[in-house]
PDB file of N, CA and C in Angstrom:
ATOM      1  N   MET A   1      66.236  20.508 -66.160  1.00  0.00           N
ATOM      2  CA  MET A   1      65.323  21.452 -66.753  1.00  0.00           C
ATOM      3  C   MET A   1      64.025  20.718 -67.065  1.00  0.00           C
ATOM      4  N   ASN A   2      62.903  21.330 -66.769  1.00  0.00           N
ATOM      5  CA  ASN A   2      61.601  20.761 -67.049  1.00  0.00           C
ATOM      6  C   ASN A   2      61.134  21.279 -68.394  1.00  0.00           C
ATOM      7  N   VAL A   3      61.074  20.400 -69.392  1.00  0.00           N
ATOM      8  CA  VAL A   3      60.687  20.810 -70.734  1.00  0.00           C
ATOM      9  C   VAL A   3      59.195  20.611 -70.889  1.00  0.00           C
ATOM     10  N   ALA A   4      58.505  21.643 -71.282  1.00  0.00           N
ATOM     11  CA  ALA A   4      57.056  21.594 -71.414  1.00  0.00           C
ATOM     12  C   ALA A   4      56.655  21.049 -72.770  1.00  0.00           C
ATOM     13  N   SER A   5      55.482  20.442 -72.821  1.00  0.00           N
ATOM     14  CA  SER A   5      54.944  20.013 -74.102  1.00  0.00           C
ATOM     15  C   SER A   5      54.214  21.190 -74.728  1.00  0.00           C
ATOM     16  N   PRO A   6      54.018  21.174 -76.048  1.00  0.00           N
ATOM     17  CA  PRO A   6      53.341  22.301 -76.685  1.00  0.00           C
ATOM     18  C   PRO A   6      51.878  22.417 -76.267  1.00  0.00           C
ATOM     19  N   HIS A   7      51.310  21.353 -75.685  1.00  0.00           N
ATOM     20  CA  HIS A   7      49.900  21.356 -75.329  1.00  0.00           C
ATOM     21  C   HIS A   7      49.615  22.090 -74.030  1.00  0.00           C
ATOM     22  N   ASN A   8      50.601  22.267 -73.169  1.00  0.00           N
ATOM     23  CA  ASN A   8      50.334  22.941 -71.907  1.00  0.00           C
ATOM     24  C   ASN A   8      51.268  24.124 -71.672  1.00  0.00           C
ATOM     25  N   ALA A   9      51.656  24.790 -72.730  1.00  0.00           N
ATOM     26  CA  ALA A   9      52.555  25.944 -72.614  1.00  0.00           C
ATOM     27  C   ALA A   9      51.739  27.192 -72.300  1.00  0.00           C
ATOM     28  N   THR A  10      51.159  27.221 -71.105  1.00  0.00           N
ATOM     29  CA  THR A  10      50.315  28.352 -70.729  1.00  0.00           C
ATOM     30  C   THR A  10      51.049  29.330 -69.831  1.00  0.00           C
ATOM     31  N   ARG A  11      51.974  28.856 -69.035  1.00  0.00           N
ATOM     32  CA  ARG A  11      52.741  29.731 -68.155  1.00  0.00           C
ATOM     33  C   ARG A  11      53.976  30.230 -68.890  1.00  0.00           C
ATOM     34  N   PRO A  12      54.462  31.405 -68.530  1.00  0.00           N
ATOM     35  CA  PRO A  12      55.683  31.917 -69.176  1.00  0.00           C
ATOM     36  C   PRO A  12      56.863  30.960 -69.052  1.00  0.00           C
ATOM     37  N   ASP A  13      56.999  30.286 -67.901  1.00  0.00           N
ATOM     38  CA  ASP A  13      58.097  29.332 -67.728  1.00  0.00           C
ATOM     39  C   ASP A  13      57.976  28.182 -68.711  1.00  0.00           C
ATOM     40  N   ASP A  14      56.739  27.704 -68.919  1.00  0.00           N
ATOM     41  CA  ASP A  14      56.519  26.611 -69.860  1.00  0.00           C
ATOM     42  C   ASP A  14      56.844  27.045 -71.284  1.00  0.00           C
ATOM     43  N   ALA A  15      56.420  28.234 -71.651  1.00  0.00           N
ATOM     44  CA  ALA A  15      56.690  28.737 -72.998  1.00  0.00           C
ATOM     45  C   ALA A  15      58.186  28.928 -73.210  1.00  0.00           C
ATOM     46  N   GLU A  16      58.859  29.432 -72.190  1.00  0.00           N
ATOM     47  CA  GLU A  16      60.307  29.631 -72.282  1.00  0.00           C
ATOM     48  C   GLU A  16      61.025  28.292 -72.415  1.00  0.00           C
ATOM     49  N   ALA A  17      60.598  27.305 -71.636  1.00  0.00           N
ATOM     50  CA  ALA A  17      61.207  25.974 -71.715  1.00  0.00           C
ATOM     51  C   ALA A  17      60.971  25.357 -73.081  1.00  0.00           C
ATOM     52  N   LEU A  18      59.791  25.569 -73.633  1.00  0.00           N
ATOM     53  CA  LEU A  18      59.487  25.053 -74.964  1.00  0.00           C
ATOM     54  C   LEU A  18      60.364  25.727 -76.013  1.00  0.00           C
ATOM     55  N   ASP A  19      60.556  27.047 -75.891  1.00  0.00           N
ATOM     56  CA  ASP A  19      61.430  27.769 -76.819  1.00  0.00           C
ATOM     57  C   ASP A  19      62.857  27.228 -76.766  1.00  0.00           C
ATOM     58  N   VAL A  20      63.348  26.974 -75.564  1.00  0.00           N
ATOM     59  CA  VAL A  20      64.707  26.442 -75.404  1.00  0.00           C
ATOM     60  C   VAL A  20      64.796  25.049 -76.008  1.00  0.00           C
ATOM     61  N   ALA A  21      63.781  24.213 -75.762  1.00  0.00           N
ATOM     62  CA  ALA A  21      63.785  22.854 -76.313  1.00  0.00           C
ATOM     63  C   ALA A  21      63.774  22.889 -77.837  1.00  0.00           C
ATOM     64  N   CYS A  22      62.974  23.775 -78.416  1.00  0.00           N
ATOM     65  CA  CYS A  22      62.926  23.903 -79.876  1.00  0.00           C
ATOM     66  C   CYS A  22      64.263  24.402 -80.423  1.00  0.00           C
ATOM     67  N   ALA A  23      64.866  25.348 -79.729  1.00  0.00           N
ATOM     68  CA  ALA A  23      66.167  25.864 -80.158  1.00  0.00           C
ATOM     69  C   ALA A  23      67.226  24.771 -80.115  1.00  0.00           C
ATOM     70  N   LEU A  24      67.181  23.944 -79.075  1.00  0.00           N
ATOM     71  CA  LEU A  24      68.144  22.838 -78.979  1.00  0.00           C
ATOM     72  C   LEU A  24      67.920  21.823 -80.087  1.00  0.00           C
ATOM     73  N   ASP A  25      66.656  21.525 -80.404  1.00  0.00           N
ATOM     74  CA  ASP A  25      66.363  20.610 -81.509  1.00  0.00           C
ATOM     75  C   ASP A  25      66.925  21.157 -82.817  1.00  0.00           C
ATOM     76  N   THR A  26      66.754  22.446 -83.037  1.00  0.00           N
ATOM     77  CA  THR A  26      67.282  23.081 -84.243  1.00  0.00           C
ATOM     78  C   THR A  26      68.802  22.998 -84.279  1.00  0.00           C
ATOM     79  N   ALA A  27      69.440  23.210 -83.139  1.00  0.00           N
ATOM     80  CA  ALA A  27      70.904  23.126 -83.074  1.00  0.00           C
ATOM     81  C   ALA A  27      71.382  21.720 -83.409  1.00  0.00           C
ATOM     82  N   VAL A  28      70.674  20.707 -82.911  1.00  0.00           N
ATOM     83  CA  VAL A  28      71.051  19.318 -83.206  1.00  0.00           C
ATOM     84  C   VAL A  28      70.921  19.049 -84.700  1.00  0.00           C
ATOM     85  N   ILE A  29      69.874  19.561 -85.313  1.00  0.00           N
ATOM     86  CA  ILE A  29      69.699  19.390 -86.759  1.00  0.00           C
ATOM     87  C   ILE A  29      70.845  20.062 -87.510  1.00  0.00           C
ATOM     88  N   ARG A  30      71.225  21.253 -87.082  1.00  0.00           N
ATOM     89  CA  ARG A  30      72.335  21.958 -87.733  1.00  0.00           C
ATOM     90  C   ARG A  30      73.646  21.183 -87.586  1.00  0.00           C
ATOM     91  N   VAL A  31      73.872  20.596 -86.415  1.00  0.00           N
ATOM     92  CA  VAL A  31      75.076  19.778 -86.209  1.00  0.00           C
ATOM     93  C   VAL A  31      75.043  18.581 -87.153  1.00  0.00           C
ATOM     94  N   ASP A  32      73.884  17.950 -87.293  1.00  0.00           N
ATOM     95  CA  ASP A  32      73.760  16.815 -88.207  1.00  0.00           C
ATOM     96  C   ASP A  32      74.055  17.230 -89.646  1.00  0.00           C
ATOM     97  N   GLN A  33      73.569  18.409 -90.042  1.00  0.00           N
ATOM     98  CA  GLN A  33      73.835  18.905 -91.390  1.00  0.00           C
ATOM     99  C   GLN A  33      75.327  19.155 -91.601  1.00  0.00           C
ATOM    100  N   LEU A  34      75.971  19.756 -90.610  1.00  0.00           N
ATOM    101  CA  LEU A  34      77.414  20.002 -90.700  1.00  0.00           C
ATOM    102  C   LEU A  34      78.190  18.698 -90.786  1.00  0.00           C
ATOM    103  N   GLN A  35      77.769  17.716 -89.993  1.00  0.00           N
ATOM    104  CA  GLN A  35      78.445  16.422 -90.010  1.00  0.00           C
ATOM    105  C   GLN A  35      78.299  15.765 -91.379  1.00  0.00           C
ATOM    106  N   ALA A  36      77.119  15.848 -91.978  1.00  0.00           N
ATOM    107  CA  ALA A  36      76.903  15.266 -93.300  1.00  0.00           C
ATOM    108  C   ALA A  36      77.754  15.974 -94.354  1.00  0.00           C
ATOM    109  N   LEU A  37      77.789  17.297 -94.303  1.00  0.00           N
ATOM    110  CA  LEU A  37      78.597  18.053 -95.263  1.00  0.00           C
ATOM    111  C   LEU A  37      80.082  17.763 -95.082  1.00  0.00           C
ATOM    112  N   ALA A  38      80.530  17.702 -93.847  1.00  0.00           N
ATOM    113  CA  ALA A  38      81.934  17.376 -93.578  1.00  0.00           C
ATOM    114  C   ALA A  38      82.255  15.964 -94.053  1.00  0.00           C
ATOM    115  N   GLY A  39      81.315  15.054 -93.859  1.00  0.00           N
ATOM    116  CA  GLY A  39      81.515  13.683 -94.329  1.00  0.00           C
ATOM    117  C   GLY A  39      81.682  13.623 -95.837  1.00  0.00           C
ATOM    118  N   LEU A  40      80.882  14.400 -96.544  1.00  0.00           N
ATOM    119  CA  LEU A  40      81.013  14.449 -98.001  1.00  0.00           C
ATOM    120  C   LEU A  40      82.360  15.026 -98.413  1.00  0.00           C
ATOM    121  N   LEU A  41      82.725  16.139 -97.799  1.00  0.00           N
ATOM    122  CA  LEU A  41      83.973  16.806 -98.177  1.00  0.00           C
ATOM    123  C   LEU A  41      85.208  16.001 -97.800  1.00  0.00           C
ATOM    124  N   SER A  42      85.060  15.040 -96.893  1.00  0.00           N
ATOM    125  CA  SER A  42      86.217  14.234 -96.493  1.00  0.00           C
ATOM    126  C   SER A  42      86.452  13.046 -97.424  1.00  0.00           C
ATOM    127  N   GLN A  43      85.532  12.807 -98.351  1.00  0.00           N
ATOM    128  CA  GLN A  43      85.736  11.733 -99.325  1.00  0.00           C
ATOM    129  C   GLN A  43      86.658  12.242-100.430  1.00  0.00           C
ATOM    130  N   GLU A  44      87.600  11.407-100.819  1.00  0.00           N
ATOM    131  CA  GLU A  44      88.634  11.843-101.766  1.00  0.00           C
ATOM    132  C   GLU A  44      88.044  12.360-103.074  1.00  0.00           C
ATOM    133  N   GLU A  45      87.088  11.636-103.623  1.00  0.00           N
ATOM    134  CA  GLU A  45      86.501  12.041-104.901  1.00  0.00           C
ATOM    135  C   GLU A  45      85.795  13.394-104.780  1.00  0.00           C
ATOM    136  N   VAL A  46      85.071  13.581-103.703  1.00  0.00           N
ATOM    137  CA  VAL A  46      84.362  14.847-103.491  1.00  0.00           C
ATOM    138  C   VAL A  46      85.361  15.976-103.253  1.00  0.00           C
ATOM    139  N   ALA A  47      86.417  15.694-102.502  1.00  0.00           N
ATOM    140  CA  ALA A  47      87.442  16.714-102.238  1.00  0.00           C
ATOM    141  C   ALA A  47      88.104  17.162-103.538  1.00  0.00           C
ATOM    142  N   GLU A  48      88.341  16.212-104.442  1.00  0.00           N
ATOM    143  CA  GLU A  48      88.931  16.571-105.737  1.00  0.00           C
ATOM    144  C   GLU A  48      87.989  17.468-106.530  1.00  0.00           C
ATOM    145  N   GLN A  49      86.704  17.111-106.535  1.00  0.00           N
ATOM    146  CA  GLN A  49      85.726  17.927-107.254  1.00  0.00           C
ATOM    147  C   GLN A  49      85.571  19.295-106.593  1.00  0.00           C
ATOM    148  N   PHE A  50      85.636  19.319-105.270  1.00  0.00           N
ATOM    149  CA  PHE A  50      85.542  20.582-104.540  1.00  0.00           C
ATOM    150  C   PHE A  50      86.682  21.512-104.943  1.00  0.00           C
ATOM    151  N   SER A  51      87.868  20.947-105.088  1.00  0.00           N
ATOM    152  CA  SER A  51      89.030  21.779-105.439  1.00  0.00           C
ATOM    153  C   SER A  51      88.911  22.355-106.845  1.00  0.00           C
ATOM    154  N   ASP A  52      88.078  21.738-107.685  1.00  0.00           N
ATOM    155  CA  ASP A  52      87.871  22.243-109.042  1.00  0.00           C
ATOM    156  C   ASP A  52      86.819  23.354-109.106  1.00  0.00           C
ATOM    157  N   LEU A  53      86.097  23.568-108.009  1.00  0.00           N
ATOM    158  CA  LEU A  53      85.062  24.602-107.991  1.00  0.00           C
ATOM    159  C   LEU A  53      85.691  25.991-108.001  1.00  0.00           C
ATOM    160  N   LEU A  54      84.933  26.943-108.482  1.00  0.00           N
ATOM    161  CA  LEU A  54      85.378  28.333-108.418  1.00  0.00           C
ATOM    162  C   LEU A  54      85.555  28.735-106.958  1.00  0.00           C
ATOM    163  N   THR A  55      86.481  29.631-106.724  1.00  0.00           N
ATOM    164  CA  THR A  55      86.770  30.072-105.358  1.00  0.00           C
ATOM    165  C   THR A  55      85.521  30.616-104.672  1.00  0.00           C
ATOM    166  N   GLY A  56      84.704  31.366-105.393  1.00  0.00           N
ATOM    167  CA  GLY A  56      83.478  31.916-104.817  1.00  0.00           C
ATOM    168  C   GLY A  56      82.521  30.838-104.340  1.00  0.00           C
ATOM    169  N   VAL A  57      82.452  29.748-105.082  1.00  0.00           N
ATOM    170  CA  VAL A  57      81.589  28.631-104.690  1.00  0.00           C
ATOM    171  C   VAL A  57      82.152  27.956-103.443  1.00  0.00           C
ATOM    172  N   GLN A  58      83.463  27.769-103.399  1.00  0.00           N
ATOM    173  CA  GLN A  58      84.095  27.186-102.212  1.00  0.00           C
ATOM    174  C   GLN A  58      83.835  28.055-100.982  1.00  0.00           C
ATOM    175  N   VAL A  59      83.964  29.357-101.149  1.00  0.00           N
ATOM    176  CA  VAL A  59      83.720  30.288-100.041  1.00  0.00           C
ATOM    177  C   VAL A  59      82.272  30.178 -99.572  1.00  0.00           C
ATOM    178  N   SER A  60      81.345  30.034-100.504  1.00  0.00           N
ATOM    179  CA  SER A  60      79.932  29.895-100.141  1.00  0.00           C
ATOM    180  C   SER A  60      79.686  28.640 -99.316  1.00  0.00           C
ATOM    181  N   ILE A  61      80.340  27.552 -99.679  1.00  0.00           N
ATOM    182  CA  ILE A  61      80.179  26.304 -98.927  1.00  0.00           C
ATOM    183  C   ILE A  61      80.720  26.469 -97.515  1.00  0.00           C
ATOM    184  N   PHE A  62      81.880  27.098 -97.385  1.00  0.00           N
ATOM    185  CA  PHE A  62      82.410  27.335 -96.038  1.00  0.00           C
ATOM    186  C   PHE A  62      81.553  28.347 -95.280  1.00  0.00           C
ATOM    187  N   GLY A  63      80.878  29.217 -96.017  1.00  0.00           N
ATOM    188  CA  GLY A  63      79.932  30.130 -95.387  1.00  0.00           C
ATOM    189  C   GLY A  63      78.791  29.385 -94.722  1.00  0.00           C
ATOM    190  N   LEU A  64      78.384  28.246 -95.326  1.00  0.00           N
ATOM    191  CA  LEU A  64      77.353  27.409 -94.700  1.00  0.00           C
ATOM    192  C   LEU A  64      77.825  26.906 -93.342  1.00  0.00           C
ATOM    193  N   PHE A  65      79.083  26.465 -93.282  1.00  0.00           N
ATOM    194  CA  PHE A  65      79.660  26.032 -92.008  1.00  0.00           C
ATOM    195  C   PHE A  65      79.626  27.176 -90.996  1.00  0.00           C
ATOM    196  N   GLU A  66      80.062  28.341 -91.431  1.00  0.00           N
ATOM    197  CA  GLU A  66      80.132  29.493 -90.531  1.00  0.00           C
ATOM    198  C   GLU A  66      78.750  29.863 -89.995  1.00  0.00           C
ATOM    199  N   ASP A  67      77.753  29.916 -90.888  1.00  0.00           N
ATOM    200  CA  ASP A  67      76.396  30.270 -90.469  1.00  0.00           C
ATOM    201  C   ASP A  67      75.814  29.240 -89.509  1.00  0.00           C
ATOM    202  N   ALA A  68      76.007  27.969 -89.836  1.00  0.00           N
ATOM    203  CA  ALA A  68      75.475  26.915 -88.973  1.00  0.00           C
ATOM    204  C   ALA A  68      76.128  26.946 -87.601  1.00  0.00           C
ATOM    205  N   LEU A  69      77.433  27.128 -87.566  1.00  0.00           N
ATOM    206  CA  LEU A  69      78.127  27.195 -86.275  1.00  0.00           C
ATOM    207  C   LEU A  69      77.698  28.421 -85.472  1.00  0.00           C
ATOM    208  N   ALA A  70      77.440  29.528 -86.140  1.00  0.00           N
ATOM    209  CA  ALA A  70      76.959  30.723 -85.437  1.00  0.00           C
ATOM    210  C   ALA A  70      75.583  30.468 -84.830  1.00  0.00           C
ATOM    211  N   ASP A  71      74.710  29.767 -85.579  1.00  0.00           N
ATOM    212  CA  ASP A  71      73.386  29.413 -85.052  1.00  0.00           C
ATOM    213  C   ASP A  71      73.502  28.511 -83.834  1.00  0.00           C
ATOM    214  N   ILE A  72      74.384  27.533 -83.923  1.00  0.00           N
ATOM    215  CA  ILE A  72      74.571  26.592 -82.815  1.00  0.00           C
ATOM    216  C   ILE A  72      75.117  27.322 -81.597  1.00  0.00           C
ATOM    217  N   ARG A  73      76.081  28.192 -81.810  1.00  0.00           N
ATOM    218  CA  ARG A  73      76.661  28.958 -80.695  1.00  0.00           C
ATOM    219  C   ARG A  73      75.601  29.823 -80.027  1.00  0.00           C
ATOM    220  N   ALA A  74      74.776  30.485 -80.828  1.00  0.00           N
ATOM    221  CA  ALA A  74      73.717  31.334 -80.276  1.00  0.00           C
ATOM    222  C   ALA A  74      72.732  30.510 -79.456  1.00  0.00           C
ATOM    223  N   THR A  75      72.399  29.325 -79.937  1.00  0.00           N
ATOM    224  CA  THR A  75      71.482  28.453 -79.208  1.00  0.00           C
ATOM    225  C   THR A  75      72.081  28.014 -77.890  1.00  0.00           C
ATOM    226  N   LEU A  76      73.336  27.612 -77.914  1.00  0.00           N
ATOM    227  CA  LEU A  76      73.981  27.177 -76.673  1.00  0.00           C
ATOM    228  C   LEU A  76      74.094  28.326 -75.681  1.00  0.00           C
ATOM    229  N   THR A  77      74.406  29.516 -76.174  1.00  0.00           N
ATOM    230  CA  THR A  77      74.491  30.689 -75.303  1.00  0.00           C
ATOM    231  C   THR A  77      73.130  30.997 -74.690  1.00  0.00           C
ATOM    232  N   GLN A  78      72.079  30.910 -75.499  1.00  0.00           N
ATOM    233  CA  GLN A  78      70.718  31.154 -75.022  1.00  0.00           C
ATOM    234  C   GLN A  78      70.327  30.116 -73.971  1.00  0.00           C
ATOM    235  N   THR A  79      70.680  28.871 -74.213  1.00  0.00           N
ATOM    236  CA  THR A  79      70.338  27.794 -73.286  1.00  0.00           C
ATOM    237  C   THR A  79      71.033  27.991 -71.947  1.00  0.00           C
ATOM    238  N   VAL A  80      72.296  28.331 -71.985  1.00  0.00           N
ATOM    239  CA  VAL A  80      73.047  28.550 -70.745  1.00  0.00           C
ATOM    240  C   VAL A  80      72.476  29.747 -69.986  1.00  0.00           C
ATOM    241  N   ALA A  81      72.067  30.770 -70.696  1.00  0.00           N
ATOM    242  CA  ALA A  81      71.517  31.969 -70.056  1.00  0.00           C
ATOM    243  C   ALA A  81      70.195  31.680 -69.351  1.00  0.00           C
ATOM    244  N   HIS A  82      69.445  30.684 -69.834  1.00  0.00           N
ATOM    245  CA  HIS A  82      68.146  30.360 -69.241  1.00  0.00           C
ATOM    246  C   HIS A  82      68.238  29.365 -68.101  1.00  0.00           C
ATOM    247  N   GLU A  83      69.401  28.803 -67.877  1.00  0.00           N
ATOM    248  CA  GLU A  83      69.527  27.808 -66.798  1.00  0.00           C
ATOM    249  C   GLU A  83      69.882  28.439 -65.492  1.00  0.00           C
TER     250      GLU A  83
END
């Protein structure tokens, strides 16, 4: 795939390639965020504190995982559709 720079995105193909590249960058950031959160939750001390949280708070944290994974899935689906 030929990824365009933001300085020469004049053709529709260039703009589309730039959109895909930006979406992929965002997906990578979301994966990094998920990895950091999972890393925290895998530490024994944090896991103990997590278990002491109200159920609603725990659900909200897992909601972050769900939302991030949905964003990543949408990006990957969009990328495959453009190839």
